[in-house]
Amino acid sequence: MSDYTFYTNPMSRGQIVRWALHEVGANYEQVLVDWQDKPAAFLAANPMGKVPTIAPHAASGDRVVT
């Protein structure tokens, strides 16, 4: 399992976040979000539906950064 789930859209500022995750060697799963059809898991993590969103997975529970 990855340490992070990274929700993004190629036309968003998420490319900056993806670059940072890549630079530090983070173990992450990238999920591409369609503006018109947002996945239920994404909306559960971020009800506002804004990208980029990073959901770190920790033993104490997930914390979302938007």
N, C-alpha and C. Protein backbone atom coordinates (compact mmCIF):
# COMPACT_ATOMS: atom_id res chain seq x y z
N MET A 1 0.84 -1.18 0.00
CA MET A 1 0.00 0.00 0.00
C MET A 1 0.89 1.24 0.00
N SER A 2 0.45 2.27 -0.69
CA SER A 2 1.22 3.51 -0.75
C SER A 2 1.06 4.30 0.55
N ASP A 3 2.00 5.20 0.77
CA ASP A 3 1.96 6.06 1.96
C ASP A 3 0.98 7.22 1.78
N TYR A 4 0.73 7.59 0.52
CA TYR A 4 -0.14 8.72 0.20
C TYR A 4 -1.04 8.37 -0.97
N THR A 5 -2.23 8.97 -0.98
CA THR A 5 -3.04 8.99 -2.19
C THR A 5 -3.07 10.45 -2.64
N PHE A 6 -2.69 10.66 -3.88
CA PHE A 6 -2.57 12.01 -4.43
C PHE A 6 -3.62 12.19 -5.52
N TYR A 7 -4.62 13.03 -5.25
CA TYR A 7 -5.69 13.30 -6.21
C TYR A 7 -5.33 14.57 -6.98
N THR A 8 -5.38 14.49 -8.30
CA THR A 8 -4.99 15.63 -9.11
C THR A 8 -5.70 15.61 -10.45
N ASN A 9 -5.55 16.69 -11.17
CA ASN A 9 -6.00 16.80 -12.55
C ASN A 9 -4.83 17.41 -13.31
N PRO A 10 -4.52 16.91 -14.51
CA PRO A 10 -3.37 17.42 -15.25
C PRO A 10 -3.41 18.93 -15.51
N MET A 11 -4.58 19.54 -15.48
CA MET A 11 -4.69 20.97 -15.74
C MET A 11 -4.76 21.80 -14.45
N SER A 12 -4.34 21.20 -13.33
CA SER A 12 -4.38 21.90 -12.05
C SER A 12 -2.95 22.19 -11.57
N ARG A 13 -2.86 22.83 -10.43
CA ARG A 13 -1.56 23.09 -9.82
C ARG A 13 -0.96 21.82 -9.20
N GLY A 14 -1.64 20.73 -9.36
CA GLY A 14 -1.18 19.45 -8.82
C GLY A 14 0.16 19.01 -9.36
N GLN A 15 0.56 19.51 -10.51
CA GLN A 15 1.86 19.13 -11.07
C GLN A 15 2.99 19.57 -10.14
N ILE A 16 2.82 20.68 -9.45
CA ILE A 16 3.82 21.16 -8.51
C ILE A 16 3.94 20.18 -7.34
N VAL A 17 2.80 19.73 -6.84
CA VAL A 17 2.78 18.78 -5.73
C VAL A 17 3.37 17.45 -6.16
N ARG A 18 3.00 16.99 -7.37
CA ARG A 18 3.54 15.73 -7.89
C ARG A 18 5.06 15.81 -7.99
N TRP A 19 5.56 16.92 -8.43
CA TRP A 19 7.00 17.13 -8.54
C TRP A 19 7.65 17.02 -7.16
N ALA A 20 7.06 17.66 -6.15
CA ALA A 20 7.61 17.61 -4.80
C ALA A 20 7.60 16.17 -4.26
N LEU A 21 6.49 15.45 -4.48
CA LEU A 21 6.42 14.06 -4.04
C LEU A 21 7.50 13.22 -4.72
N HIS A 22 7.70 13.45 -6.00
CA HIS A 22 8.72 12.72 -6.76
C HIS A 22 10.12 13.05 -6.23
N GLU A 23 10.38 14.32 -5.97
CA GLU A 23 11.71 14.76 -5.52
C GLU A 23 12.10 14.12 -4.18
N VAL A 24 11.14 13.93 -3.28
CA VAL A 24 11.46 13.35 -1.98
C VAL A 24 11.36 11.82 -1.98
N GLY A 25 11.00 11.26 -3.13
CA GLY A 25 10.91 9.80 -3.23
C GLY A 25 9.73 9.21 -2.50
N ALA A 26 8.65 9.96 -2.40
CA ALA A 26 7.46 9.50 -1.67
C ALA A 26 6.80 8.32 -2.39
N ASN A 27 6.28 7.40 -1.61
CA ASN A 27 5.54 6.27 -2.14
C ASN A 27 4.07 6.67 -2.19
N TYR A 28 3.58 7.03 -3.40
CA TYR A 28 2.22 7.54 -3.51
C TYR A 28 1.49 6.92 -4.69
N GLU A 29 0.17 6.93 -4.57
CA GLU A 29 -0.71 6.50 -5.65
C GLU A 29 -1.36 7.75 -6.22
N GLN A 30 -1.23 7.97 -7.51
CA GLN A 30 -1.85 9.12 -8.16
C GLN A 30 -3.21 8.73 -8.71
N VAL A 31 -4.22 9.55 -8.40
CA VAL A 31 -5.57 9.34 -8.91
C VAL A 31 -5.95 10.59 -9.71
N LEU A 32 -6.20 10.40 -11.00
CA LEU A 32 -6.61 11.52 -11.84
C LEU A 32 -8.10 11.78 -11.64
N VAL A 33 -8.42 13.04 -11.37
CA VAL A 33 -9.80 13.44 -11.10
C VAL A 33 -10.36 14.17 -12.31
N ASP A 34 -11.47 13.69 -12.82
CA ASP A 34 -12.18 14.35 -13.90
C ASP A 34 -13.03 15.47 -13.30
N TRP A 35 -12.97 16.66 -13.85
CA TRP A 35 -13.72 17.80 -13.31
C TRP A 35 -15.22 17.50 -13.23
N GLN A 36 -15.75 16.78 -14.20
CA GLN A 36 -17.19 16.54 -14.28
C GLN A 36 -17.65 15.29 -13.53
N ASP A 37 -16.75 14.34 -13.31
CA ASP A 37 -17.12 13.06 -12.70
C ASP A 37 -16.11 12.71 -11.61
N LYS A 38 -16.26 13.32 -10.45
CA LYS A 38 -15.31 13.12 -9.37
C LYS A 38 -15.57 11.81 -8.65
N PRO A 39 -14.52 11.00 -8.42
CA PRO A 39 -14.70 9.70 -7.76
C PRO A 39 -15.23 9.86 -6.32
N ALA A 40 -16.01 8.90 -5.89
CA ALA A 40 -16.58 8.92 -4.54
C ALA A 40 -15.49 8.93 -3.47
N ALA A 41 -14.40 8.18 -3.67
CA ALA A 41 -13.31 8.14 -2.69
C ALA A 41 -12.68 9.52 -2.54
N PHE A 42 -12.57 10.24 -3.65
CA PHE A 42 -12.02 11.60 -3.61
C PHE A 42 -12.94 12.53 -2.83
N LEU A 43 -14.23 12.49 -3.11
CA LEU A 43 -15.18 13.35 -2.41
C LEU A 43 -15.29 12.99 -0.93
N ALA A 44 -15.05 11.73 -0.59
CA ALA A 44 -15.03 11.33 0.82
C ALA A 44 -13.82 11.94 1.53
N ALA A 45 -12.69 12.00 0.81
CA ALA A 45 -11.47 12.57 1.38
C ALA A 45 -11.55 14.10 1.43
N ASN A 46 -12.15 14.70 0.40
CA ASN A 46 -12.23 16.15 0.30
C ASN A 46 -13.62 16.54 -0.22
N PRO A 47 -14.59 16.73 0.66
CA PRO A 47 -15.95 17.04 0.23
C PRO A 47 -16.07 18.31 -0.62
N MET A 48 -15.10 19.22 -0.52
CA MET A 48 -15.13 20.42 -1.33
C MET A 48 -14.79 20.13 -2.79
N GLY A 49 -14.16 18.97 -3.05
CA GLY A 49 -13.86 18.56 -4.40
C GLY A 49 -12.75 19.34 -5.07
N LYS A 50 -11.82 19.90 -4.29
CA LYS A 50 -10.73 20.69 -4.84
C LYS A 50 -9.48 19.84 -5.02
N VAL A 51 -8.78 20.08 -6.12
CA VAL A 51 -7.49 19.42 -6.35
C VAL A 51 -6.41 20.48 -6.39
N PRO A 52 -5.19 20.15 -6.02
CA PRO A 52 -4.74 18.84 -5.58
C PRO A 52 -5.14 18.55 -4.13
N THR A 53 -5.23 17.27 -3.83
CA THR A 53 -5.51 16.78 -2.49
C THR A 53 -4.57 15.62 -2.21
N ILE A 54 -3.94 15.65 -1.05
CA ILE A 54 -3.07 14.55 -0.63
C ILE A 54 -3.67 13.94 0.62
N ALA A 55 -3.82 12.62 0.60
CA ALA A 55 -4.33 11.89 1.75
C ALA A 55 -3.24 10.95 2.24
N PRO A 56 -2.45 11.38 3.26
CA PRO A 56 -1.45 10.49 3.83
C PRO A 56 -2.13 9.37 4.61
N HIS A 57 -1.59 8.18 4.54
CA HIS A 57 -2.14 7.04 5.26
C HIS A 57 -1.25 6.76 6.46
N ALA A 58 -1.82 6.89 7.66
CA ALA A 58 -1.07 6.69 8.89
C ALA A 58 -1.84 5.75 9.80
N ALA A 59 -1.11 5.13 10.71
CA ALA A 59 -1.74 4.20 11.65
C ALA A 59 -2.77 4.92 12.54
N SER A 60 -2.54 6.20 12.80
CA SER A 60 -3.46 6.96 13.64
C SER A 60 -4.65 7.51 12.87
N GLY A 61 -4.73 7.21 11.58
CA GLY A 61 -5.84 7.67 10.75
C GLY A 61 -5.36 8.57 9.62
N ASP A 62 -6.16 8.68 8.59
CA ASP A 62 -5.81 9.51 7.45
C ASP A 62 -6.04 10.99 7.77
N ARG A 63 -5.15 11.82 7.28
CA ARG A 63 -5.29 13.27 7.39
C ARG A 63 -5.17 13.82 5.99
N VAL A 64 -6.06 14.70 5.62
CA VAL A 64 -6.11 15.20 4.25
C VAL A 64 -5.51 16.60 4.19
N VAL A 65 -4.70 16.83 3.16
CA VAL A 65 -4.11 18.13 2.90
C VAL A 65 -4.61 18.59 1.55
N THR A 66 -5.21 19.79 1.52
CA THR A 66 -5.73 20.31 0.24
C THR A 66 -5.06 21.62 -0.09
